[in-house]
Amino acid sequence: MAQKLRVIIKAIELSNSILTARIDEMGAELKSLKEKSTDTEYIW
């Protein structure tokens, strides 16, 4: 029987009036950087 692997990625979110940053808890890897006014994502 095949085994299933489920990965749950948790991230810490930091934000100010301009940007929101998401950082992976497991490896301190920056996951996302978005400009709030346009919702433009620069890193994913």
PDB file of N, CA and C in Angstrom:
ATOM      1  N   MET A   1       0.839  -1.181   0.000  1.00  0.00           N
ATOM      2  CA  MET A   1       0.000   0.000   0.000  1.00  0.00           C
ATOM      3  C   MET A   1       0.887   1.248   0.000  1.00  0.00           C
ATOM      4  N   ALA A   2       0.557   2.210  -0.832  1.00  0.00           N
ATOM      5  CA  ALA A   2       1.333   3.457  -0.923  1.00  0.00           C
ATOM      6  C   ALA A   2       1.093   4.314   0.312  1.00  0.00           C
ATOM      7  N   GLN A   3       2.138   4.966   0.753  1.00  0.00           N
ATOM      8  CA  GLN A   3       2.025   5.885   1.887  1.00  0.00           C
ATOM      9  C   GLN A   3       1.822   7.293   1.375  1.00  0.00           C
ATOM     10  N   LYS A   4       1.091   8.081   2.127  1.00  0.00           N
ATOM     11  CA  LYS A   4       0.867   9.476   1.765  1.00  0.00           C
ATOM     12  C   LYS A   4       1.668  10.353   2.705  1.00  0.00           C
ATOM     13  N   LEU A   5       2.265  11.370   2.158  1.00  0.00           N
ATOM     14  CA  LEU A   5       3.037  12.330   2.937  1.00  0.00           C
ATOM     15  C   LEU A   5       2.346  13.680   2.842  1.00  0.00           C
ATOM     16  N   ARG A   6       2.034  14.248   3.981  1.00  0.00           N
ATOM     17  CA  ARG A   6       1.391  15.558   4.002  1.00  0.00           C
ATOM     18  C   ARG A   6       2.341  16.546   4.668  1.00  0.00           C
ATOM     19  N   VAL A   7       2.671  17.601   3.960  1.00  0.00           N
ATOM     20  CA  VAL A   7       3.579  18.620   4.464  1.00  0.00           C
ATOM     21  C   VAL A   7       2.782  19.874   4.771  1.00  0.00           C
ATOM     22  N   ILE A   8       2.921  20.336   5.986  1.00  0.00           N
ATOM     23  CA  ILE A   8       2.267  21.580   6.380  1.00  0.00           C
ATOM     24  C   ILE A   8       3.364  22.609   6.620  1.00  0.00           C
ATOM     25  N   ILE A   9       3.340  23.673   5.842  1.00  0.00           N
ATOM     26  CA  ILE A   9       4.350  24.715   5.968  1.00  0.00           C
ATOM     27  C   ILE A   9       3.783  25.836   6.826  1.00  0.00           C
ATOM     28  N   LYS A  10       4.490  26.119   7.908  1.00  0.00           N
ATOM     29  CA  LYS A  10       4.081  27.214   8.774  1.00  0.00           C
ATOM     30  C   LYS A  10       5.009  28.391   8.534  1.00  0.00           C
ATOM     31  N   ALA A  11       4.463  29.562   8.643  1.00  0.00           N
ATOM     32  CA  ALA A  11       5.258  30.763   8.404  1.00  0.00           C
ATOM     33  C   ALA A  11       4.896  31.831   9.424  1.00  0.00           C
ATOM     34  N   ILE A  12       5.863  32.644   9.722  1.00  0.00           N
ATOM     35  CA  ILE A  12       5.667  33.811  10.573  1.00  0.00           C
ATOM     36  C   ILE A  12       5.419  34.991   9.653  1.00  0.00           C
ATOM     37  N   GLU A  13       4.444  35.807   9.969  1.00  0.00           N
ATOM     38  CA  GLU A  13       4.121  36.957   9.126  1.00  0.00           C
ATOM     39  C   GLU A  13       4.430  38.247   9.868  1.00  0.00           C
ATOM     40  N   LEU A  14       5.177  39.120   9.215  1.00  0.00           N
ATOM     41  CA  LEU A  14       5.515  40.435   9.750  1.00  0.00           C
ATOM     42  C   LEU A  14       4.990  41.476   8.775  1.00  0.00           C
ATOM     43  N   SER A  15       4.411  42.537   9.293  1.00  0.00           N
ATOM     44  CA  SER A  15       3.916  43.555   8.367  1.00  0.00           C
ATOM     45  C   SER A  15       3.991  44.943   8.978  1.00  0.00           C
ATOM     46  N   ASN A  16       4.070  45.912   8.073  1.00  0.00           N
ATOM     47  CA  ASN A  16       3.976  47.315   8.467  1.00  0.00           C
ATOM     48  C   ASN A  16       2.985  47.967   7.507  1.00  0.00           C
ATOM     49  N   SER A  17       2.948  49.267   7.434  1.00  0.00           N
ATOM     50  CA  SER A  17       1.961  49.932   6.582  1.00  0.00           C
ATOM     51  C   SER A  17       2.235  49.755   5.090  1.00  0.00           C
ATOM     52  N   ILE A  18       3.443  49.314   4.726  1.00  0.00           N
ATOM     53  CA  ILE A  18       3.812  49.190   3.314  1.00  0.00           C
ATOM     54  C   ILE A  18       3.924  47.743   2.849  1.00  0.00           C
ATOM     55  N   LEU A  19       4.589  46.893   3.637  1.00  0.00           N
ATOM     56  CA  LEU A  19       4.900  45.528   3.208  1.00  0.00           C
ATOM     57  C   LEU A  19       4.414  44.483   4.196  1.00  0.00           C
ATOM     58  N   THR A  20       4.216  43.263   3.684  1.00  0.00           N
ATOM     59  CA  THR A  20       3.979  42.091   4.506  1.00  0.00           C
ATOM     60  C   THR A  20       5.007  41.043   4.106  1.00  0.00           C
ATOM     61  N   ALA A  21       5.740  40.495   5.071  1.00  0.00           N
ATOM     62  CA  ALA A  21       6.747  39.468   4.804  1.00  0.00           C
ATOM     63  C   ALA A  21       6.343  38.180   5.502  1.00  0.00           C
ATOM     64  N   ARG A  22       6.487  37.045   4.800  1.00  0.00           N
ATOM     65  CA  ARG A  22       6.231  35.738   5.399  1.00  0.00           C
ATOM     66  C   ARG A  22       7.535  34.970   5.436  1.00  0.00           C
ATOM     67  N   ILE A  23       7.861  34.413   6.606  1.00  0.00           N
ATOM     68  CA  ILE A  23       9.125  33.712   6.808  1.00  0.00           C
ATOM     69  C   ILE A  23       8.833  32.287   7.279  1.00  0.00           C
ATOM     70  N   ASP A  24       9.418  31.299   6.601  1.00  0.00           N
ATOM     71  CA  ASP A  24       9.258  29.892   6.943  1.00  0.00           C
ATOM     72  C   ASP A  24       9.833  29.623   8.324  1.00  0.00           C
ATOM     73  N   GLU A  25       9.050  29.010   9.220  1.00  0.00           N
ATOM     74  CA  GLU A  25       9.513  28.715  10.576  1.00  0.00           C
ATOM     75  C   GLU A  25      10.633  27.686  10.602  1.00  0.00           C
ATOM     76  N   MET A  26      10.603  26.734   9.692  1.00  0.00           N
ATOM     77  CA  MET A  26      11.559  25.627   9.732  1.00  0.00           C
ATOM     78  C   MET A  26      12.980  26.029   9.331  1.00  0.00           C
ATOM     79  N   GLY A  27      13.131  26.867   8.355  1.00  0.00           N
ATOM     80  CA  GLY A  27      14.464  27.179   7.882  1.00  0.00           C
ATOM     81  C   GLY A  27      14.757  28.655   7.787  1.00  0.00           C
ATOM     82  N   ALA A  28      13.924  29.470   8.409  1.00  0.00           N
ATOM     83  CA  ALA A  28      14.076  30.923   8.349  1.00  0.00           C
ATOM     84  C   ALA A  28      14.222  31.404   6.906  1.00  0.00           C
ATOM     85  N   GLU A  29      13.466  30.809   6.022  1.00  0.00           N
ATOM     86  CA  GLU A  29      13.490  31.161   4.607  1.00  0.00           C
ATOM     87  C   GLU A  29      12.361  32.147   4.315  1.00  0.00           C
ATOM     88  N   LEU A  30      12.701  33.245   3.677  1.00  0.00           N
ATOM     89  CA  LEU A  30      11.689  34.228   3.302  1.00  0.00           C
ATOM     90  C   LEU A  30      10.798  33.618   2.228  1.00  0.00           C
ATOM     91  N   LYS A  31       9.502  33.531   2.505  1.00  0.00           N
ATOM     92  CA  LYS A  31       8.559  32.898   1.594  1.00  0.00           C
ATOM     93  C   LYS A  31       7.814  33.883   0.718  1.00  0.00           C
ATOM     94  N   SER A  32       7.571  35.078   1.228  1.00  0.00           N
ATOM     95  CA  SER A  32       6.743  36.020   0.484  1.00  0.00           C
ATOM     96  C   SER A  32       7.053  37.438   0.933  1.00  0.00           C
ATOM     97  N   LEU A  33       7.015  38.363  -0.009  1.00  0.00           N
ATOM     98  CA  LEU A  33       7.168  39.782   0.285  1.00  0.00           C
ATOM     99  C   LEU A  33       6.190  40.525  -0.618  1.00  0.00           C
ATOM    100  N   LYS A  34       5.169  41.131  -0.002  1.00  0.00           N
ATOM    101  CA  LYS A  34       4.112  41.791  -0.776  1.00  0.00           C
ATOM    102  C   LYS A  34       3.977  43.251  -0.394  1.00  0.00           C
ATOM    103  N   GLU A  35       3.730  44.069  -1.401  1.00  0.00           N
ATOM    104  CA  GLU A  35       3.399  45.468  -1.167  1.00  0.00           C
ATOM    105  C   GLU A  35       1.896  45.535  -0.929  1.00  0.00           C
ATOM    106  N   LYS A  36       1.510  46.100   0.202  1.00  0.00           N
ATOM    107  CA  LYS A  36       0.102  46.085   0.592  1.00  0.00           C
ATOM    108  C   LYS A  36      -0.807  46.890  -0.333  1.00  0.00           C
ATOM    109  N   SER A  37      -0.371  48.043  -0.777  1.00  0.00           N
ATOM    110  CA  SER A  37      -1.251  48.912  -1.571  1.00  0.00           C
ATOM    111  C   SER A  37      -1.622  48.311  -2.928  1.00  0.00           C
ATOM    112  N   THR A  38      -0.724  47.509  -3.507  1.00  0.00           N
ATOM    113  CA  THR A  38      -0.989  46.912  -4.821  1.00  0.00           C
ATOM    114  C   THR A  38      -1.156  45.396  -4.761  1.00  0.00           C
ATOM    115  N   ASP A  39      -0.854  44.800  -3.618  1.00  0.00           N
ATOM    116  CA  ASP A  39      -0.855  43.343  -3.428  1.00  0.00           C
ATOM    117  C   ASP A  39       0.131  42.663  -4.362  1.00  0.00           C
ATOM    118  N   THR A  40       1.169  43.399  -4.789  1.00  0.00           N
ATOM    119  CA  THR A  40       2.218  42.840  -5.651  1.00  0.00           C
ATOM    120  C   THR A  40       3.144  41.981  -4.803  1.00  0.00           C
ATOM    121  N   GLU A  41       3.367  40.740  -5.232  1.00  0.00           N
ATOM    122  CA  GLU A  41       4.253  39.829  -4.517  1.00  0.00           C
ATOM    123  C   GLU A  41       5.598  39.811  -5.220  1.00  0.00           C
ATOM    124  N   TYR A  42       6.672  40.072  -4.480  1.00  0.00           N
ATOM    125  CA  TYR A  42       8.021  40.153  -5.051  1.00  0.00           C
ATOM    126  C   TYR A  42       8.800  38.863  -4.894  1.00  0.00           C
ATOM    127  N   ILE A  43       8.508  38.079  -3.853  1.00  0.00           N
ATOM    128  CA  ILE A  43       9.206  36.805  -3.615  1.00  0.00           C
ATOM    129  C   ILE A  43       8.157  35.767  -3.254  1.00  0.00           C
ATOM    130  N   TRP A  44       8.316  34.547  -3.761  1.00  0.00           N
ATOM    131  CA  TRP A  44       7.410  33.463  -3.368  1.00  0.00           C
ATOM    132  C   TRP A  44       8.153  32.175  -3.294  1.00  0.00           C
TER     133      TRP A  44
END
